[in-house]
Amino acid sequence: MSKQNWTALIDDMVAGRWINPETGKPAEVPYESIVIDERLDGREADLVSALKLGHRLAVVSDQTTHDVMGARIAKALRPLGPVESIVLDHPHADMANVRALTEKLRGFDGAVAVGSGTVNDLTKYVTGLDGRRYCVFATAASMNGYTSSTASITLDSGLKVSLPSQAPAGFFVDLAVSAAAPPYLSASGYADCLARSVAQVDWWMSHRLLGTAYFQTPYTIQAADEIELNKRAGGLQKGDIAALGYLYRVLTLCGLGISFTGVSHHGSMGEHQISHYIDCFAGARHPGSLHGQQVGIAALTMARLQQRMLADDQPAIVRATLIDPEAMRRRFGPEVAMQCLAELKLKAFDADGAAAFNTKLDKIWPELRRELAAFVIPASEIKRLLTAAGGATTATDLGVPLDLYREAIIHCREMRNRFSFLDIAADAGTLKAFAAGEH
C-alpha cells in the first residue's frame, strides 16, 4: 500500500492553490507549514529551521509532554542554536499562567510548543502579544485548536473566552506519538469533531431566523474526511494510525475554517457553551474532565434537544426573554455576571422581538426543518460513534455532578451572544423540563 498523504488539500490551502468555492478566490491561511506524518523522527530540526523562528528558542511543554516528546525535540534542535526547555508545572490556560509564561519567555526569539490544548494556547497567546513566532508539535489528537487563530483563556474574573491571537507558523504531527497517547485523549478530540452536526444546526437556524452571518466553506472542506473518520471511530481507542490520521485531518481542517470565516461558529455553538459553563463555574466540583469530553456529552444533549424540537410539526412559541440580573450575580459573581449580562442582552427578545421571531419561525418552519435535516446526525448515531471511540456519553460517565450539568444546560446561554436551540427552548419555557431529563 502506498504511503498516505495526510496533508492532501491542506497543502494546497497553505500554498494558496486552493480556490474557495464561496468567493472564487485562492484561499489565504496564516500558516507556513503543516506536516502530518507517521513519524517525524530526525526531521524536527529541518521543520523548525525552515520557519525562521529566531536564534534563541524555548521548547515549552508540561511534564507529561516533555517526557513524551519535548525532550526529544529540544535535543534535536540544539544544532540550530541556543535551546532551553521550559517545563510548566500542571498549567492551566488562564491569565495567571499567561503572566508566568510571559516572564519565562523573556529573551527568547521564538518558541516551540509541545503539547495540546493548554500548552498550545498559552504559548500561542503569550508569543502573539508581542508578535514572536512559534510552532507547535502535537502530542495527542485531543482538540481542534492547534490551527486556530484564537486562544481559549480563562480571565482573572473566571470567565473562559476565546481571545484573538496568532496561528502557529508551523503545525507538526507525529502520528506514532499520538497513537501511544492514552485513548481517552483521541476520544476527546473525536467528540469535538462530532459536534459539527449540532453546531451547524444551531448556526444555520440562527442565520435563517436572525440573519447571523453563515459560511459553508468550513463544512465543505472537511465533509469527505468526516465520513472517513466516522468509518474508523472504533480504531481510535486502538491507536490505529489511519483512524488518527483522519482525526487529525478533520481537527486541522476545522481549525483552518476560522481562517475563512473569522469566527468559530462552525464548530462551537450550544454544545460548547455547556462545556464552557462547566469549566468556568464548576469550581471544586469539576471532575478534571477534558473540554472535548464535555463537548461530546453536550453534543448528545444538543442533538436530543434539536431533534425533539424539529420532530414537532408546530414550532415553539417564544416570549420576551426573562433576565434576572440578581440570580446571574449569585451564579457567576458580580464581575462575570456583568460581562454575561451584556452578552445576553445582545440576543434577548423584548415583546415585539419575540412576536416578530414567532411570525418568521412559523412562516419558514416546514422549510427550515427540511434544511436542518441535511445537517443532522441522529443522537443515537452520535452516541454509537462516541462509544466506539471509547468516549463518555453521559455526565455521570465523566463524573460531572448532575445538578451542575443540568444547571449548565439551563444557564450556559447567558454566557455568550451565540443564538442556539437552547435560547429558543429557554424563551419558550421548556428548557428546564428538558434539562431535568438529561444525565
Protein backbone atom coordinates (compact mmCIF):
# COMPACT_ATOMS: atom_id res chain seq x y z
CA MET A 1 0.00 0.00 0.00
CA SER A 2 1.35 3.42 -0.94
CA LYS A 3 2.02 5.86 1.87
CA GLN A 4 -0.97 8.02 2.77
CA ASN A 5 -0.62 11.74 2.10
CA TRP A 6 -2.22 13.14 5.25
CA THR A 7 -1.92 16.75 4.14
CA ALA A 8 -3.58 16.48 0.74
CA LEU A 9 -5.84 19.54 0.28
CA ILE A 10 -4.22 21.11 3.37
CA ASP A 11 -1.01 21.61 1.35
CA ASP A 12 -2.98 23.39 -1.37
CA MET A 13 -4.55 25.72 1.18
CA VAL A 14 -1.22 26.58 2.79
CA ALA A 15 0.35 27.19 -0.62
CA GLY A 16 -2.57 29.36 -1.78
CA ARG A 17 -3.53 26.99 -4.59
CA TRP A 18 -6.98 26.05 -3.26
CA ILE A 19 -9.90 28.10 -4.58
CA ASN A 20 -12.58 28.93 -2.04
CA PRO A 21 -15.89 27.97 -3.71
CA GLU A 22 -17.78 30.68 -1.82
CA THR A 23 -15.55 33.51 -3.03
CA GLY A 24 -13.95 32.10 -6.18
CA LYS A 25 -10.60 33.32 -4.87
CA PRO A 26 -7.50 31.45 -3.70
CA ALA A 27 -7.50 30.54 -0.02
CA GLU A 28 -5.36 32.56 2.33
CA VAL A 29 -4.39 30.86 5.59
CA PRO A 30 -1.80 32.14 8.11
CA TYR A 31 0.37 29.04 8.18
CA GLU A 32 3.66 28.29 6.52
CA SER A 33 3.96 24.56 7.19
CA ILE A 34 1.56 21.82 8.26
CA VAL A 35 3.06 18.34 8.36
CA ILE A 36 1.18 15.21 9.42
CA ASP A 37 3.18 12.00 9.04
CA GLU A 38 3.51 8.57 10.57
CA ARG A 39 6.88 9.53 12.06
CA LEU A 40 8.87 12.73 12.31
CA ASP A 41 11.98 11.27 13.95
CA GLY A 42 15.07 13.04 12.63
CA ARG A 43 13.07 15.75 10.83
CA GLU A 44 12.44 18.07 13.77
CA ALA A 45 15.37 20.44 13.17
CA ASP A 46 14.62 20.80 9.46
CA LEU A 47 10.94 21.51 10.13
CA VAL A 48 11.69 24.20 12.71
CA SER A 49 14.67 25.71 10.89
CA ALA A 50 12.56 26.37 7.80
CA LEU A 51 10.24 28.60 9.85
CA LYS A 52 13.00 31.02 10.92
CA LEU A 53 11.66 31.44 14.44
CA GLY A 54 14.85 33.18 15.56
CA HIS A 55 18.21 32.32 17.10
CA ARG A 56 17.36 31.55 20.73
CA LEU A 57 14.44 29.14 21.09
CA ALA A 58 12.35 27.93 24.01
CA VAL A 59 10.71 24.49 23.90
CA VAL A 60 7.55 24.81 26.02
CA SER A 61 5.86 21.72 27.45
CA ASP A 62 4.39 20.33 30.65
CA GLN A 63 5.95 17.42 32.47
CA THR A 64 3.99 14.79 30.54
CA THR A 65 4.55 16.24 27.08
CA HIS A 66 8.22 16.93 27.91
CA ASP A 67 8.71 13.25 28.64
CA VAL A 68 6.69 12.15 25.61
CA MET A 69 8.23 14.44 23.01
CA GLY A 70 9.59 17.72 24.37
CA ALA A 71 12.99 16.42 25.48
CA ARG A 72 13.46 14.73 22.11
CA ILE A 73 12.66 17.95 20.24
CA ALA A 74 14.91 20.10 22.43
CA LYS A 75 17.79 17.73 21.77
CA ALA A 76 17.09 17.68 18.03
CA LEU A 77 17.07 21.49 17.85
CA ARG A 78 20.41 22.09 19.59
CA PRO A 79 22.40 22.20 16.32
CA LEU A 80 20.30 25.25 15.36
CA GLY A 81 21.48 27.39 18.27
CA PRO A 82 20.69 28.04 21.95
CA VAL A 83 17.68 25.97 23.05
CA GLU A 84 16.12 25.84 26.51
CA SER A 85 13.33 23.63 27.78
CA ILE A 86 10.58 25.36 29.76
CA VAL A 87 8.55 22.69 31.55
CA LEU A 88 5.32 24.07 33.03
CA ASP A 89 4.04 22.62 36.30
CA HIS A 90 0.42 21.46 35.88
CA PRO A 91 -0.51 24.59 33.89
CA HIS A 92 -3.98 25.97 33.28
CA ALA A 93 -4.84 28.20 30.34
CA ASP A 94 -5.57 31.26 32.46
CA MET A 95 -4.22 34.77 32.86
CA ALA A 96 -2.06 33.84 35.84
CA ASN A 97 -0.22 31.30 33.70
CA VAL A 98 -0.08 33.79 30.83
CA ARG A 99 1.76 36.21 33.08
CA ALA A 100 4.07 33.47 34.36
CA LEU A 101 4.95 32.23 30.87
CA THR A 102 5.48 35.80 29.67
CA GLU A 103 8.28 36.11 32.22
CA LYS A 104 9.76 32.70 31.37
CA LEU A 105 9.90 33.57 27.66
CA ARG A 106 11.71 36.87 28.08
CA GLY A 107 14.87 36.93 25.99
CA PHE A 108 13.80 34.15 23.60
CA ASP A 109 13.35 34.92 19.93
CA GLY A 110 10.74 32.23 19.29
CA ALA A 111 9.01 29.29 20.88
CA VAL A 112 8.20 25.67 20.09
CA ALA A 113 5.12 24.39 21.91
CA VAL A 114 4.95 20.66 22.57
CA GLY A 115 1.51 19.59 23.71
CA SER A 116 -2.18 20.03 23.07
CA GLY A 117 -4.76 22.47 24.43
CA THR A 118 -3.25 24.21 27.45
CA VAL A 119 0.39 24.29 26.35
CA ASN A 120 -0.54 25.38 22.85
CA ASP A 121 -2.99 28.08 23.94
CA LEU A 122 -0.58 29.57 26.47
CA THR A 123 2.37 29.62 24.07
CA LYS A 124 0.23 30.93 21.22
CA TYR A 125 -1.24 33.74 23.29
CA VAL A 126 1.97 34.86 25.00
CA THR A 127 4.01 34.94 21.78
CA GLY A 128 1.15 36.59 19.97
CA LEU A 129 1.18 39.51 22.40
CA ASP A 130 4.46 40.81 21.00
CA GLY A 131 4.48 39.14 17.59
CA ARG A 132 7.13 36.50 18.24
CA ARG A 133 6.76 33.44 16.05
CA TYR A 134 6.02 29.98 17.33
CA CYS A 135 5.22 26.50 16.10
CA VAL A 136 3.59 23.51 17.76
CA PHE A 137 4.22 19.77 17.83
CA ALA A 138 1.10 17.81 18.72
CA THR A 139 1.26 15.07 21.35
CA ALA A 140 -2.40 13.99 21.27
CA ALA A 141 -5.39 14.43 18.98
CA SER A 142 -7.44 15.79 21.86
CA MET A 143 -8.83 19.07 20.45
CA ASN A 144 -9.22 21.15 17.30
CA GLY A 145 -7.40 24.29 18.44
CA TYR A 146 -3.94 23.51 17.05
CA THR A 147 -4.54 25.52 13.90
CA SER A 148 -6.93 28.08 15.39
CA SER A 149 -6.01 31.76 15.39
CA THR A 150 -7.72 32.20 18.76
CA ALA A 151 -6.70 31.06 22.24
CA SER A 152 -9.10 29.77 24.91
CA ILE A 153 -8.06 31.59 28.06
CA THR A 154 -9.77 31.93 31.44
CA LEU A 155 -9.80 35.56 32.53
CA ASP A 156 -8.99 36.66 36.06
CA SER A 157 -12.75 37.02 36.59
CA GLY A 158 -13.13 33.27 35.99
CA LEU A 159 -14.84 33.63 32.60
CA LYS A 160 -13.40 31.44 29.85
CA VAL A 161 -13.25 33.21 26.49
CA SER A 162 -11.72 32.86 23.04
CA LEU A 163 -9.18 35.64 22.67
CA PRO A 164 -7.80 36.80 19.31
CA SER A 165 -4.25 35.56 18.96
CA GLN A 166 -1.99 34.22 16.23
CA ALA A 167 -1.83 30.98 14.32
CA PRO A 168 1.31 28.85 14.61
CA ALA A 169 3.81 29.30 11.81
CA GLY A 170 4.07 25.51 11.72
CA PHE A 171 1.94 22.63 12.98
CA PHE A 172 3.57 19.21 13.13
CA VAL A 173 2.06 15.80 13.91
CA ASP A 174 3.98 12.61 14.58
CA LEU A 175 1.15 10.09 14.38
CA ALA A 176 3.17 7.43 16.20
CA VAL A 177 3.39 9.71 19.25
CA SER A 178 -0.37 10.29 19.30
CA ALA A 179 -1.02 6.58 18.76
CA ALA A 180 0.81 5.90 22.03
CA ALA A 181 -1.19 8.50 23.97
CA PRO A 182 -3.99 7.40 26.33
CA PRO A 183 -7.07 6.57 24.19
CA TYR A 184 -9.35 8.98 26.06
CA LEU A 185 -7.38 11.86 24.51
CA SER A 186 -8.27 10.81 20.97
CA ALA A 187 -11.86 10.20 22.06
CA SER A 188 -11.91 13.79 23.35
CA GLY A 189 -10.74 15.18 20.02
CA TYR A 190 -13.22 12.99 18.18
CA ALA A 191 -16.05 14.34 20.34
CA ASP A 192 -15.04 17.85 19.26
CA CYS A 193 -15.43 16.67 15.64
CA LEU A 194 -18.82 15.09 16.23
CA ALA A 195 -20.08 18.45 17.49
CA ARG A 196 -20.08 19.60 13.86
CA SER A 197 -23.64 18.38 13.35
CA VAL A 198 -25.27 20.17 16.27
CA ALA A 199 -23.18 23.32 15.75
CA GLN A 200 -24.23 23.50 12.11
CA VAL A 201 -27.89 23.06 13.03
CA ASP A 202 -27.65 25.91 15.55
CA TRP A 203 -25.69 28.19 13.21
CA TRP A 204 -27.94 27.70 10.17
CA MET A 205 -31.05 28.21 12.33
CA SER A 206 -29.57 31.45 13.69
CA HIS A 207 -28.71 32.54 10.16
CA ARG A 208 -32.18 31.88 8.79
CA LEU A 209 -34.10 33.41 11.68
CA LEU A 210 -31.85 36.23 12.87
CA GLY A 211 -29.68 36.93 9.84
CA THR A 212 -26.48 35.79 11.54
CA ALA A 213 -23.61 35.52 9.06
CA TYR A 214 -23.13 31.91 7.91
CA PHE A 215 -20.35 30.32 5.87
CA GLN A 216 -20.48 26.90 4.25
CA THR A 217 -16.76 26.63 3.47
CA PRO A 218 -15.64 25.16 6.84
CA TYR A 219 -18.09 22.30 6.35
CA THR A 220 -17.23 21.80 2.69
CA ILE A 221 -13.52 21.29 3.33
CA GLN A 222 -13.98 18.62 5.99
CA ALA A 223 -17.07 16.76 4.70
CA ALA A 224 -15.26 13.90 2.92
CA ASP A 225 -12.82 13.37 5.78
CA GLU A 226 -15.62 13.36 8.35
CA ILE A 227 -17.16 10.37 6.54
CA GLU A 228 -13.84 8.50 6.50
CA LEU A 229 -13.19 9.33 10.16
CA ASN A 230 -16.59 8.09 11.28
CA LYS A 231 -15.97 4.80 9.49
CA ARG A 232 -12.86 4.35 11.65
CA ALA A 233 -14.19 5.54 15.02
CA GLY A 234 -13.51 2.16 16.61
CA GLY A 235 -9.84 2.37 15.63
CA LEU A 236 -9.19 5.44 17.75
CA GLN A 237 -9.04 3.63 21.07
CA LYS A 238 -6.69 1.07 19.49
CA GLY A 239 -4.22 3.72 18.33
CA ASP A 240 -4.89 2.89 14.68
CA ILE A 241 -2.72 5.15 12.50
CA ALA A 242 -5.31 5.56 9.74
CA ALA A 243 -8.03 6.48 12.22
CA LEU A 244 -5.71 9.02 13.87
CA GLY A 245 -4.66 10.40 10.51
CA TYR A 246 -8.25 11.16 9.57
CA LEU A 247 -8.92 12.56 13.05
CA TYR A 248 -6.02 14.99 12.70
CA ARG A 249 -7.20 15.95 9.22
CA VAL A 250 -10.67 16.86 10.49
CA LEU A 251 -9.27 18.66 13.54
CA THR A 252 -6.86 20.59 11.31
CA LEU A 253 -9.46 21.48 8.69
CA CYS A 254 -11.87 22.65 11.39
CA GLY A 255 -9.18 24.98 12.73
CA LEU A 256 -8.40 26.19 9.21
CA GLY A 257 -12.07 27.04 8.79
CA ILE A 258 -11.61 30.01 11.12
CA SER A 259 -9.19 31.46 8.56
CA PHE A 260 -12.04 31.69 6.07
CA THR A 261 -14.73 32.96 8.43
CA GLY A 262 -13.02 34.84 11.23
CA VAL A 263 -15.33 33.10 13.71
CA SER A 264 -15.55 29.66 15.33
CA HIS A 265 -19.31 29.18 14.98
CA HIS A 266 -18.94 26.27 12.56
CA GLY A 267 -17.65 24.07 15.39
CA SER A 268 -18.77 25.89 18.54
CA MET A 269 -22.37 26.69 19.37
CA GLY A 270 -24.74 25.46 22.11
CA GLU A 271 -22.72 22.34 22.90
CA HIS A 272 -19.52 24.33 23.56
CA GLN A 273 -21.39 26.77 25.78
CA ILE A 274 -22.39 23.85 28.02
CA SER A 275 -18.77 22.73 28.26
CA HIS A 276 -17.52 26.26 28.92
CA TYR A 277 -20.03 26.69 31.74
CA ILE A 278 -18.70 23.56 33.44
CA ASP A 279 -15.11 24.79 33.11
CA CYS A 280 -15.91 28.28 34.36
CA PHE A 281 -18.24 27.57 37.25
CA ALA A 282 -17.71 24.01 38.49
CA GLY A 283 -15.01 25.06 40.92
CA ALA A 284 -14.21 22.23 43.30
CA ARG A 285 -16.97 20.15 41.68
CA HIS A 286 -15.02 19.86 38.41
CA PRO A 287 -14.02 16.21 37.92
CA GLY A 288 -10.97 17.03 35.78
CA SER A 289 -12.67 16.03 32.53
CA LEU A 290 -11.33 17.44 29.27
CA HIS A 291 -13.04 20.12 27.22
CA GLY A 292 -13.61 17.68 24.34
CA GLN A 293 -15.09 15.03 26.61
CA GLN A 294 -17.56 17.59 27.91
CA VAL A 295 -18.34 18.72 24.37
CA GLY A 296 -19.15 15.10 23.49
CA ILE A 297 -21.83 14.67 26.15
CA ALA A 298 -23.09 18.20 25.46
CA ALA A 299 -23.35 17.40 21.72
CA LEU A 300 -25.60 14.49 22.62
CA THR A 301 -27.72 16.78 24.77
CA MET A 302 -27.99 19.32 21.96
CA ALA A 303 -28.82 16.60 19.44
CA ARG A 304 -31.67 15.37 21.63
CA LEU A 305 -32.98 18.90 22.15
CA GLN A 306 -32.75 19.89 18.49
CA GLN A 307 -34.22 16.66 17.19
CA ARG A 308 -37.08 16.73 19.69
CA MET A 309 -38.00 20.26 18.64
CA LEU A 310 -37.57 19.55 14.93
CA ALA A 311 -39.81 16.48 15.16
CA ASP A 312 -42.78 18.71 16.01
CA ASP A 313 -44.94 19.90 13.13
CA GLN A 314 -45.52 23.14 15.01
CA PRO A 315 -42.62 25.38 16.05
CA ALA A 316 -42.03 26.53 19.59
CA ILE A 317 -43.51 29.88 20.61
CA VAL A 318 -41.11 32.20 22.40
CA ARG A 319 -41.86 35.01 24.83
CA ALA A 320 -39.81 38.00 25.88
CA THR A 321 -36.52 36.81 27.37
CA LEU A 322 -36.61 36.66 31.15
CA ILE A 323 -33.43 38.19 32.57
CA ASP A 324 -32.71 38.03 36.29
CA PRO A 325 -29.52 40.05 36.95
CA GLU A 326 -29.53 39.24 40.65
CA ALA A 327 -29.66 35.49 40.00
CA MET A 328 -26.84 35.86 37.49
CA ARG A 329 -24.75 37.67 40.11
CA ARG A 330 -25.31 34.82 42.54
CA ARG A 331 -24.30 32.22 39.94
CA PHE A 332 -21.39 33.99 38.30
CA GLY A 333 -20.16 36.61 40.76
CA PRO A 334 -20.54 40.38 40.15
CA GLU A 335 -17.82 40.87 37.51
CA VAL A 336 -18.62 37.86 35.35
CA ALA A 337 -22.35 38.49 35.70
CA MET A 338 -21.89 41.97 34.25
CA GLN A 339 -19.97 40.56 31.26
CA CYS A 340 -22.54 37.81 30.69
CA LEU A 341 -25.44 40.20 31.06
CA ALA A 342 -24.02 42.35 28.27
CA GLU A 343 -23.74 39.25 26.04
CA LEU A 344 -27.25 38.00 26.86
CA LYS A 345 -28.89 41.35 26.16
CA LEU A 346 -27.49 41.29 22.63
CA LYS A 347 -29.73 38.34 21.74
CA ALA A 348 -32.60 38.81 24.19
CA PHE A 349 -36.14 39.37 22.90
CA ASP A 350 -38.46 42.08 24.09
CA ALA A 351 -42.19 41.54 23.50
CA ASP A 352 -42.10 42.94 19.96
CA GLY A 353 -38.95 41.00 19.10
CA ALA A 354 -40.50 37.76 20.35
CA ALA A 355 -43.64 38.37 18.29
CA ALA A 356 -41.60 39.06 15.15
CA PHE A 357 -39.48 35.96 15.74
CA ASN A 358 -42.58 33.79 16.19
CA THR A 359 -44.08 35.11 12.98
CA LYS A 360 -40.96 34.35 10.98
CA LEU A 361 -40.43 30.96 12.62
CA ASP A 362 -44.00 29.90 11.88
CA LYS A 363 -43.68 31.03 8.27
CA ILE A 364 -40.48 29.15 7.45
CA TRP A 365 -40.79 26.19 9.87
CA PRO A 366 -41.54 23.46 7.27
CA GLU A 367 -38.71 24.70 5.03
CA LEU A 368 -36.30 25.17 7.95
CA ARG A 369 -36.95 21.62 9.19
CA ARG A 370 -36.06 20.24 5.75
CA GLU A 371 -32.90 22.35 5.56
CA LEU A 372 -31.70 21.35 9.02
CA ALA A 373 -32.37 17.66 8.36
CA ALA A 374 -29.44 17.71 5.92
CA PHE A 375 -27.03 18.57 8.75
CA VAL A 376 -28.30 16.19 11.41
CA ILE A 377 -26.51 13.14 12.75
CA PRO A 378 -29.13 11.31 14.84
CA ALA A 379 -28.45 11.38 18.57
CA SER A 380 -28.40 7.58 18.60
CA GLU A 381 -25.66 7.57 15.96
CA ILE A 382 -23.60 10.18 17.80
CA LYS A 383 -23.83 8.00 20.90
CA ARG A 384 -22.81 4.89 18.93
CA LEU A 385 -19.80 6.66 17.43
CA LEU A 386 -18.68 8.12 20.75
CA THR A 387 -18.95 4.71 22.38
CA ALA A 388 -16.98 3.09 19.56
CA ALA A 389 -14.20 5.63 20.08
CA GLY A 390 -14.14 4.96 23.81
CA GLY A 391 -15.70 8.29 24.72
CA ALA A 392 -18.06 9.22 27.51
CA THR A 393 -21.75 9.61 26.64
CA THR A 394 -23.23 10.94 29.90
CA ALA A 395 -22.32 13.45 32.56
CA THR A 396 -22.31 10.56 35.01
CA ASP A 397 -19.65 8.80 32.90
CA LEU A 398 -17.42 11.85 33.32
CA GLY A 399 -18.15 12.37 36.98
CA VAL A 400 -19.82 15.73 36.36
CA PRO A 401 -22.43 16.22 39.10
CA LEU A 402 -25.93 16.04 37.62
CA ASP A 403 -27.08 19.24 39.29
CA LEU A 404 -24.10 21.06 37.77
CA TYR A 405 -24.69 19.57 34.31
CA ARG A 406 -28.38 20.49 34.30
CA GLU A 407 -27.51 23.97 35.55
CA ALA A 408 -25.07 24.29 32.64
CA ILE A 409 -27.75 23.33 30.12
CA ILE A 410 -30.16 25.93 31.51
CA HIS A 411 -27.82 28.85 32.09
CA CYS A 412 -24.87 28.50 29.69
CA ARG A 413 -26.71 30.51 27.05
CA GLU A 414 -26.27 33.55 29.30
CA MET A 415 -22.51 33.48 28.73
CA ARG A 416 -22.27 34.27 25.04
CA ASN A 417 -24.07 36.05 22.23
CA ARG A 418 -24.50 32.94 20.09
CA PHE A 419 -28.12 32.04 19.42
CA SER A 420 -28.91 28.32 19.61
CA PHE A 421 -31.80 25.98 20.21
CA LEU A 422 -31.04 26.46 23.92
CA ASP A 423 -32.26 30.04 23.53
CA ILE A 424 -35.45 29.03 21.74
CA ALA A 425 -36.24 26.39 24.37
CA ALA A 426 -35.50 28.80 27.23
CA ASP A 427 -37.67 31.57 25.80
CA ALA A 428 -40.40 29.04 25.08
CA GLY A 429 -40.32 27.92 28.72
CA THR A 430 -39.35 24.30 28.00
CA LEU A 431 -35.61 24.20 28.70
CA LYS A 432 -35.79 23.47 32.44
CA ALA A 433 -38.04 20.45 31.91
CA PHE A 434 -35.76 19.16 29.17
CA ALA A 435 -32.63 19.60 31.28
CA ALA A 436 -34.22 17.65 34.15
CA GLY A 437 -34.16 14.55 31.96
CA GLU A 438 -30.51 14.86 30.96
CA HIS A 439 -27.89 12.78 32.77
